[in-house]
PDB file of N, CA and C in Angstrom:
ATOM      1  N   MET A   1     -96.820  55.430  89.821  1.00  0.00           N
ATOM      2  CA  MET A   1     -98.180  56.056  89.572  1.00  0.00           C
ATOM      3  C   MET A   1     -98.738  54.880  90.549  1.00  0.00           C
ATOM      4  N   GLN A   2     -99.524  55.328  91.600  1.00  0.00           N
ATOM      5  CA  GLN A   2    -100.178  54.400  92.268  1.00  0.00           C
ATOM      6  C   GLN A   2    -101.844  55.308  92.535  1.00  0.00           C
ATOM      7  N   VAL A   3    -102.536  54.478  92.712  1.00  0.00           N
ATOM      8  CA  VAL A   3    -103.852  54.739  93.064  1.00  0.00           C
ATOM      9  C   VAL A   3    -104.169  54.831  95.032  1.00  0.00           C
ATOM     10  N   GLY A   4    -104.522  56.000  95.217  1.00  0.00           N
ATOM     11  CA  GLY A   4    -104.433  56.424  96.731  1.00  0.00           C
ATOM     12  C   GLY A   4    -103.337  57.467  96.922  1.00  0.00           C
ATOM     13  N   GLU A   5    -102.825  57.935  95.743  1.00  0.00           N
ATOM     14  CA  GLU A   5    -101.669  58.818  96.186  1.00  0.00           C
ATOM     15  C   GLU A   5    -102.469  60.580  96.216  1.00  0.00           C
ATOM     16  N   GLY A   6    -101.707  61.489  96.681  1.00  0.00           N
ATOM     17  CA  GLY A   6    -101.938  62.488  96.624  1.00  0.00           C
ATOM     18  C   GLY A   6    -101.456  63.329  95.032  1.00  0.00           C
ATOM     19  N   ILE A   7    -102.396  64.177  94.636  1.00  0.00           N
ATOM     20  CA  ILE A   7    -101.930  64.800  93.351  1.00  0.00           C
ATOM     21  C   ILE A   7    -102.428  66.141  93.374  1.00  0.00           C
ATOM     22  N   SER A   8    -101.950  66.615  92.599  1.00  0.00           N
ATOM     23  CA  SER A   8    -102.107  68.461  92.176  1.00  0.00           C
ATOM     24  C   SER A   8    -103.306  68.925  91.187  1.00  0.00           C
ATOM     25  N   VAL A   9    -104.216  69.417  91.464  1.00  0.00           N
ATOM     26  CA  VAL A   9    -105.212  69.423  90.398  1.00  0.00           C
ATOM     27  C   VAL A   9    -105.380  71.069  90.465  1.00  0.00           C
ATOM     28  N   LEU A  10    -105.848  71.275  89.202  1.00  0.00           N
ATOM     29  CA  LEU A  10    -106.246  72.631  89.003  1.00  0.00           C
ATOM     30  C   LEU A  10    -107.996  72.725  88.723  1.00  0.00           C
ATOM     31  N   ALA A  11    -108.477  73.397  89.343  1.00  0.00           N
ATOM     32  CA  ALA A  11    -109.774  73.242  89.552  1.00  0.00           C
ATOM     33  C   ALA A  11    -110.266  74.263  89.547  1.00  0.00           C
ATOM     34  N   SER A  12    -111.975  74.808  89.328  1.00  0.00           N
ATOM     35  CA  SER A  12    -112.482  76.049  89.396  1.00  0.00           C
ATOM     36  C   SER A  12    -113.432  76.007  90.576  1.00  0.00           C
ATOM     37  N   PHE A  13    -113.664  76.845  91.528  1.00  0.00           N
ATOM     38  CA  PHE A  13    -114.881  76.844  92.655  1.00  0.00           C
ATOM     39  C   PHE A  13    -115.667  77.568  91.909  1.00  0.00           C
ATOM     40  N   GLY A  14    -117.059  77.553  91.786  1.00  0.00           N
ATOM     41  CA  GLY A  14    -117.809  78.391  91.475  1.00  0.00           C
ATOM     42  C   GLY A  14    -119.139  78.368  92.231  1.00  0.00           C
ATOM     43  N   LYS A  15    -119.949  79.229  92.255  1.00  0.00           N
ATOM     44  CA  LYS A  15    -121.374  79.495  93.043  1.00  0.00           C
ATOM     45  C   LYS A  15    -122.210  78.565  92.406  1.00  0.00           C
ATOM     46  N   PRO A  16    -123.164  77.651  93.097  1.00  0.00           N
ATOM     47  CA  PRO A  16    -123.235  77.472  94.794  1.00  0.00           C
ATOM     48  C   PRO A  16    -122.449  76.505  95.226  1.00  0.00           C
ATOM     49  N   TYR A  17    -121.023  76.578  95.582  1.00  0.00           N
ATOM     50  CA  TYR A  17    -120.017  75.463  96.255  1.00  0.00           C
ATOM     51  C   TYR A  17    -120.141  74.359  95.249  1.00  0.00           C
ATOM     52  N   ARG A  18    -119.712  74.710  93.856  1.00  0.00           N
ATOM     53  CA  ARG A  18    -119.390  73.574  92.760  1.00  0.00           C
ATOM     54  C   ARG A  18    -118.162  73.753  92.327  1.00  0.00           C
ATOM     55  N   ILE A  19    -117.466  72.620  92.429  1.00  0.00           N
ATOM     56  CA  ILE A  19    -116.133  72.218  92.227  1.00  0.00           C
ATOM     57  C   ILE A  19    -116.141  71.684  90.815  1.00  0.00           C
ATOM     58  N   LYS A  20    -115.328  72.022  90.183  1.00  0.00           N
ATOM     59  CA  LYS A  20    -114.870  71.487  88.707  1.00  0.00           C
ATOM     60  C   LYS A  20    -113.507  71.358  88.211  1.00  0.00           C
ATOM     61  N   PRO A  21    -113.321  70.045  88.359  1.00  0.00           N
ATOM     62  CA  PRO A  21    -111.740  69.692  88.081  1.00  0.00           C
ATOM     63  C   PRO A  21    -111.280  69.988  86.651  1.00  0.00           C
ATOM     64  N   LEU A  22    -110.029  70.919  86.350  1.00  0.00           N
ATOM     65  CA  LEU A  22    -109.780  71.055  84.863  1.00  0.00           C
ATOM     66  C   LEU A  22    -109.008  70.163  84.200  1.00  0.00           C
ATOM     67  N   SER A  23    -108.006  69.786  85.081  1.00  0.00           N
ATOM     68  CA  SER A  23    -107.041  69.247  84.904  1.00  0.00           C
ATOM     69  C   SER A  23    -106.358  68.961  86.123  1.00  0.00           C
ATOM     70  N   PHE A  24    -105.531  67.441  85.807  1.00  0.00           N
ATOM     71  CA  PHE A  24    -104.592  67.151  87.201  1.00  0.00           C
ATOM     72  C   PHE A  24    -103.256  66.584  86.897  1.00  0.00           C
ATOM     73  N   THR A  25    -102.334  66.675  87.893  1.00  0.00           N
ATOM     74  CA  THR A  25    -100.718  66.329  87.600  1.00  0.00           C
ATOM     75  C   THR A  25    -100.818  64.903  88.037  1.00  0.00           C
ATOM     76  N   TRP A  26    -100.116  63.848  87.884  1.00  0.00           N
ATOM     77  CA  TRP A  26    -100.203  62.796  88.759  1.00  0.00           C
ATOM     78  C   TRP A  26     -98.481  61.734  87.870  1.00  0.00           C
ATOM     79  N   SER A  27     -97.636  61.744  88.748  1.00  0.00           N
ATOM     80  CA  SER A  27     -96.631  61.167  88.523  1.00  0.00           C
ATOM     81  C   SER A  27     -95.988  61.605  86.942  1.00  0.00           C
ATOM     82  N   GLY A  28     -95.783  63.248  87.504  1.00  0.00           N
ATOM     83  CA  GLY A  28     -95.312  64.077  86.569  1.00  0.00           C
ATOM     84  C   GLY A  28     -96.233  64.396  85.011  1.00  0.00           C
ATOM     85  N   ARG A  29     -96.971  63.764  84.936  1.00  0.00           N
ATOM     86  CA  ARG A  29     -97.852  63.805  83.941  1.00  0.00           C
ATOM     87  C   ARG A  29     -99.023  64.822  84.037  1.00  0.00           C
ATOM     88  N   THR A  30     -99.489  65.899  83.026  1.00  0.00           N
ATOM     89  CA  THR A  30    -100.766  66.702  83.326  1.00  0.00           C
ATOM     90  C   THR A  30    -101.829  66.014  82.280  1.00  0.00           C
ATOM     91  N   ILE A  31    -102.860  65.852  82.884  1.00  0.00           N
ATOM     92  CA  ILE A  31    -104.326  65.263  82.167  1.00  0.00           C
ATOM     93  C   ILE A  31    -105.231  66.070  82.170  1.00  0.00           C
ATOM     94  N   LYS A  32    -105.716  66.637  81.036  1.00  0.00           N
ATOM     95  CA  LYS A  32    -106.423  67.256  81.127  1.00  0.00           C
ATOM     96  C   LYS A  32    -108.085  66.569  80.948  1.00  0.00           C
ATOM     97  N   VAL A  33    -108.827  67.087  81.930  1.00  0.00           N
ATOM     98  CA  VAL A  33    -110.080  66.645  82.170  1.00  0.00           C
ATOM     99  C   VAL A  33    -111.171  66.981  80.641  1.00  0.00           C
ATOM    100  N   LYS A  34    -111.786  66.010  80.243  1.00  0.00           N
ATOM    101  CA  LYS A  34    -112.603  66.015  79.187  1.00  0.00           C
ATOM    102  C   LYS A  34    -114.295  66.483  79.623  1.00  0.00           C
ATOM    103  N   GLU A  35    -114.278  65.519  80.347  1.00  0.00           N
ATOM    104  CA  GLU A  35    -115.529  65.459  81.341  1.00  0.00           C
ATOM    105  C   GLU A  35    -115.751  64.860  82.248  1.00  0.00           C
ATOM    106  N   VAL A  36    -116.480  65.322  83.247  1.00  0.00           N
ATOM    107  CA  VAL A  36    -116.971  65.036  84.551  1.00  0.00           C
ATOM    108  C   VAL A  36    -118.147  64.208  84.494  1.00  0.00           C
ATOM    109  N   THR A  37    -118.227  62.993  84.674  1.00  0.00           N
ATOM    110  CA  THR A  37    -119.574  62.185  84.511  1.00  0.00           C
ATOM    111  C   THR A  37    -120.284  61.897  85.582  1.00  0.00           C
ATOM    112  N   TYR A  38    -119.697  61.941  86.968  1.00  0.00           N
ATOM    113  CA  TYR A  38    -120.575  61.866  87.648  1.00  0.00           C
ATOM    114  C   TYR A  38    -119.623  62.540  89.223  1.00  0.00           C
ATOM    115  N   THR A  39    -120.707  63.338  90.111  1.00  0.00           N
ATOM    116  CA  THR A  39    -119.797  63.953  91.590  1.00  0.00           C
ATOM    117  C   THR A  39    -120.917  63.317  92.393  1.00  0.00           C
ATOM    118  N   TRP A  40    -120.264  63.252  93.692  1.00  0.00           N
ATOM    119  CA  TRP A  40    -120.882  63.003  94.797  1.00  0.00           C
ATOM    120  C   TRP A  40    -120.158  63.365  96.093  1.00  0.00           C
ATOM    121  N   LYS A  41    -120.922  63.295  97.402  1.00  0.00           N
ATOM    122  CA  LYS A  41    -119.975  63.758  98.342  1.00  0.00           C
ATOM    123  C   LYS A  41    -120.652  62.826  99.603  1.00  0.00           C
ATOM    124  N   THR A  42    -119.608  62.359 100.280  1.00  0.00           N
ATOM    125  CA  THR A  42    -119.786  61.474 101.168  1.00  0.00           C
ATOM    126  C   THR A  42    -118.928  62.358 102.555  1.00  0.00           C
ATOM    127  N   ARG A  43    -119.332  61.802 103.897  1.00  0.00           N
ATOM    128  CA  ARG A  43    -118.506  62.178 104.943  1.00  0.00           C
ATOM    129  C   ARG A  43    -117.989  61.041 105.753  1.00  0.00           C
ATOM    130  N   GLU A  44    -116.626  61.639 106.564  1.00  0.00           N
ATOM    131  CA  GLU A  44    -115.849  61.011 107.171  1.00  0.00           C
ATOM    132  C   GLU A  44    -115.751  61.787 108.583  1.00  0.00           C
ATOM    133  N   GLY A  45    -116.360  61.377 109.299  1.00  0.00           N
ATOM    134  CA  GLY A  45    -116.356  61.915 110.499  1.00  0.00           C
ATOM    135  C   GLY A  45    -116.425  63.677 110.622  1.00  0.00           C
ATOM    136  N   GLN A  46    -115.396  64.186 110.780  1.00  0.00           N
ATOM    137  CA  GLN A  46    -115.886  65.863 110.472  1.00  0.00           C
ATOM    138  C   GLN A  46    -115.469  66.562 109.053  1.00  0.00           C
ATOM    139  N   LYS A  47    -114.889  65.615 108.033  1.00  0.00           N
ATOM    140  CA  LYS A  47    -114.376  65.440 107.029  1.00  0.00           C
ATOM    141  C   LYS A  47    -115.783  65.820 105.676  1.00  0.00           C
ATOM    142  N   ASP A  48    -115.493  66.389 105.072  1.00  0.00           N
ATOM    143  CA  ASP A  48    -116.569  66.538 103.805  1.00  0.00           C
ATOM    144  C   ASP A  48    -115.803  65.882 102.770  1.00  0.00           C
ATOM    145  N   LEU A  49    -115.829  64.989 101.940  1.00  0.00           N
ATOM    146  CA  LEU A  49    -115.067  64.369 100.492  1.00  0.00           C
ATOM    147  C   LEU A  49    -116.293  64.656  99.446  1.00  0.00           C
ATOM    148  N   HIS A  50    -115.281  65.519  98.580  1.00  0.00           N
ATOM    149  CA  HIS A  50    -116.183  65.331  97.070  1.00  0.00           C
ATOM    150  C   HIS A  50    -115.439  64.359  96.285  1.00  0.00           C
ATOM    151  N   HIS A  51    -116.244  63.614  95.478  1.00  0.00           N
ATOM    152  CA  HIS A  51    -115.768  62.616  94.804  1.00  0.00           C
ATOM    153  C   HIS A  51    -116.450  63.070  93.189  1.00  0.00           C
ATOM    154  N   PHE A  52    -115.455  62.672  92.640  1.00  0.00           N
ATOM    155  CA  PHE A  52    -115.453  63.245  91.220  1.00  0.00           C
ATOM    156  C   PHE A  52    -115.135  62.017  89.956  1.00  0.00           C
ATOM    157  N   SER A  53    -116.092  61.387  89.517  1.00  0.00           N
ATOM    158  CA  SER A  53    -115.654  60.552  88.069  1.00  0.00           C
ATOM    159  C   SER A  53    -115.484  61.492  87.145  1.00  0.00           C
ATOM    160  N   LEU A  54    -114.418  61.212  86.239  1.00  0.00           N
ATOM    161  CA  LEU A  54    -114.185  61.996  85.052  1.00  0.00           C
ATOM    162  C   LEU A  54    -113.016  61.220  84.237  1.00  0.00           C
ATOM    163  N   THR A  55    -113.130  62.070  82.942  1.00  0.00           N
ATOM    164  CA  THR A  55    -112.625  61.417  81.910  1.00  0.00           C
ATOM    165  C   THR A  55    -111.614  62.106  81.015  1.00  0.00           C
ATOM    166  N   ASP A  56    -110.433  61.544  80.684  1.00  0.00           N
ATOM    167  CA  ASP A  56    -109.591  62.331  79.495  1.00  0.00           C
ATOM    168  C   ASP A  56    -110.027  61.950  78.216  1.00  0.00           C
ATOM    169  N   GLY A  57    -110.880  61.519  77.804  1.00  0.00           N
ATOM    170  CA  GLY A  57    -111.387  60.957  76.378  1.00  0.00           C
ATOM    171  C   GLY A  57    -111.198  59.330  76.290  1.00  0.00           C
ATOM    172  N   SER A  58    -109.767  58.791  77.280  1.00  0.00           N
ATOM    173  CA  SER A  58    -109.857  57.616  76.959  1.00  0.00           C
ATOM    174  C   SER A  58    -110.049  56.604  78.564  1.00  0.00           C
ATOM    175  N   THR A  59    -109.279  57.224  79.567  1.00  0.00           N
ATOM    176  CA  THR A  59    -109.387  56.704  80.605  1.00  0.00           C
ATOM    177  C   THR A  59    -110.503  57.489  81.677  1.00  0.00           C
ATOM    178  N   LEU A  60    -110.981  56.481  82.628  1.00  0.00           N
ATOM    179  CA  LEU A  60    -111.904  56.777  83.597  1.00  0.00           C
ATOM    180  C   LEU A  60    -111.099  57.004  84.868  1.00  0.00           C
ATOM    181  N   PHE A  61    -111.001  58.199  85.334  1.00  0.00           N
ATOM    182  CA  PHE A  61    -110.638  58.263  86.989  1.00  0.00           C
ATOM    183  C   PHE A  61    -111.441  58.668  87.900  1.00  0.00           C
ATOM    184  N   GLN A  62    -111.149  58.325  89.139  1.00  0.00           N
ATOM    185  CA  GLN A  62    -112.059  58.951  90.178  1.00  0.00           C
ATOM    186  C   GLN A  62    -111.011  59.714  90.968  1.00  0.00           C
ATOM    187  N   LEU A  63    -111.568  60.688  91.301  1.00  0.00           N
ATOM    188  CA  LEU A  63    -110.920  61.807  92.228  1.00  0.00           C
ATOM    189  C   LEU A  63    -111.487  62.186  93.384  1.00  0.00           C
ATOM    190  N   SER A  64    -110.869  62.317  94.701  1.00  0.00           N
ATOM    191  CA  SER A  64    -111.456  62.974  95.401  1.00  0.00           C
ATOM    192  C   SER A  64    -110.987  64.142  96.188  1.00  0.00           C
ATOM    193  N   PHE A  65    -111.458  64.979  96.875  1.00  0.00           N
ATOM    194  CA  PHE A  65    -110.932  66.384  97.639  1.00  0.00           C
ATOM    195  C   PHE A  65    -111.496  66.417  99.058  1.00  0.00           C
ATOM    196  N   ASP A  66    -110.976  66.583  99.617  1.00  0.00           N
ATOM    197  CA  ASP A  66    -111.271  66.656 101.204  1.00  0.00           C
ATOM    198  C   ASP A  66    -111.301  68.214 101.460  1.00  0.00           C
ATOM    199  N   ALA A  67    -112.586  68.518 101.744  1.00  0.00           N
ATOM    200  CA  ALA A  67    -112.697  69.989 102.105  1.00  0.00           C
ATOM    201  C   ALA A  67    -112.220  70.539 102.986  1.00  0.00           C
ATOM    202  N   VAL A  68    -111.903  69.727 104.240  1.00  0.00           N
ATOM    203  CA  VAL A  68    -110.915  70.336 105.528  1.00  0.00           C
ATOM    204  C   VAL A  68    -109.310  70.732 105.332  1.00  0.00           C
ATOM    205  N   SER A  69    -108.639  69.566 104.551  1.00  0.00           N
ATOM    206  CA  SER A  69    -107.271  69.251 104.420  1.00  0.00           C
ATOM    207  C   SER A  69    -107.111  70.407 103.160  1.00  0.00           C
ATOM    208  N   LEU A  70    -107.976  70.271 102.120  1.00  0.00           N
ATOM    209  CA  LEU A  70    -107.760  70.871 100.531  1.00  0.00           C
ATOM    210  C   LEU A  70    -106.845  70.044 100.059  1.00  0.00           C
ATOM    211  N   LEU A  71    -106.641  68.621  99.965  1.00  0.00           N
ATOM    212  CA  LEU A  71    -106.083  67.840  99.712  1.00  0.00           C
ATOM    213  C   LEU A  71    -106.834  67.047  98.418  1.00  0.00           C
ATOM    214  N   TRP A  72    -106.342  66.290  97.288  1.00  0.00           N
ATOM    215  CA  TRP A  72    -106.783  65.893  96.380  1.00  0.00           C
ATOM    216  C   TRP A  72    -105.995  64.451  96.309  1.00  0.00           C
ATOM    217  N   THR A  73    -107.187  63.236  95.878  1.00  0.00           N
ATOM    218  CA  THR A  73    -106.514  62.017  95.874  1.00  0.00           C
ATOM    219  C   THR A  73    -107.006  61.618  94.628  1.00  0.00           C
ATOM    220  N   ILE A  74    -106.169  60.560  93.885  1.00  0.00           N
ATOM    221  CA  ILE A  74    -106.313  60.010  92.873  1.00  0.00           C
ATOM    222  C   ILE A  74    -107.393  58.216  93.677  1.00  0.00           C
ATOM    223  N   GLU A  75    -108.307  57.870  93.199  1.00  0.00           N
ATOM    224  CA  GLU A  75    -108.913  56.914  94.200  1.00  0.00           C
ATOM    225  C   GLU A  75    -108.914  55.517  93.089  1.00  0.00           C
ATOM    226  N   SER A  76    -109.097  55.769  91.622  1.00  0.00           N
ATOM    227  CA  SER A  76    -109.194  54.542  90.930  1.00  0.00           C
ATOM    228  C   SER A  76    -109.037  55.377  89.318  1.00  0.00           C
ATOM    229  N   LEU A  77    -108.945  54.081  88.639  1.00  0.00           N
ATOM    230  CA  LEU A  77    -108.925  54.659  87.142  1.00  0.00           C
ATOM    231  C   LEU A  77    -109.294  53.339  86.500  1.00  0.00           C
ATOM    232  N   GLU A  78    -109.838  53.506  85.102  1.00  0.00           N
ATOM    233  CA  GLU A  78    -110.374  52.464  84.361  1.00  0.00           C
ATOM    234  C   GLU A  78    -109.823  52.571  83.155  1.00  0.00           C
ATOM    235  N   THR A  79    -109.298  51.568  82.115  1.00  0.00           N
ATOM    236  CA  THR A  79    -108.541  51.840  80.909  1.00  0.00           C
ATOM    237  C   THR A  79    -109.678  51.154  79.912  1.00  0.00           C
TER     238      THR A  79
END
């Protein structure tokens, strides 16, 4: 389990351009999202990155979604 690695995410994409992570799989473990606590967007060159601070009820995770490559990354966690 390493921060900065790619992960699989189940998310809903609603209107208007709203992305909501529902669960994600990291190192063979599926983690259900209890609450998204904060979202923000940054830009790296031509890429739009969507960031999500979320919790499973005991751990705070930060995920990012690259809107160009459509890849998710786990950026950090706090227990």
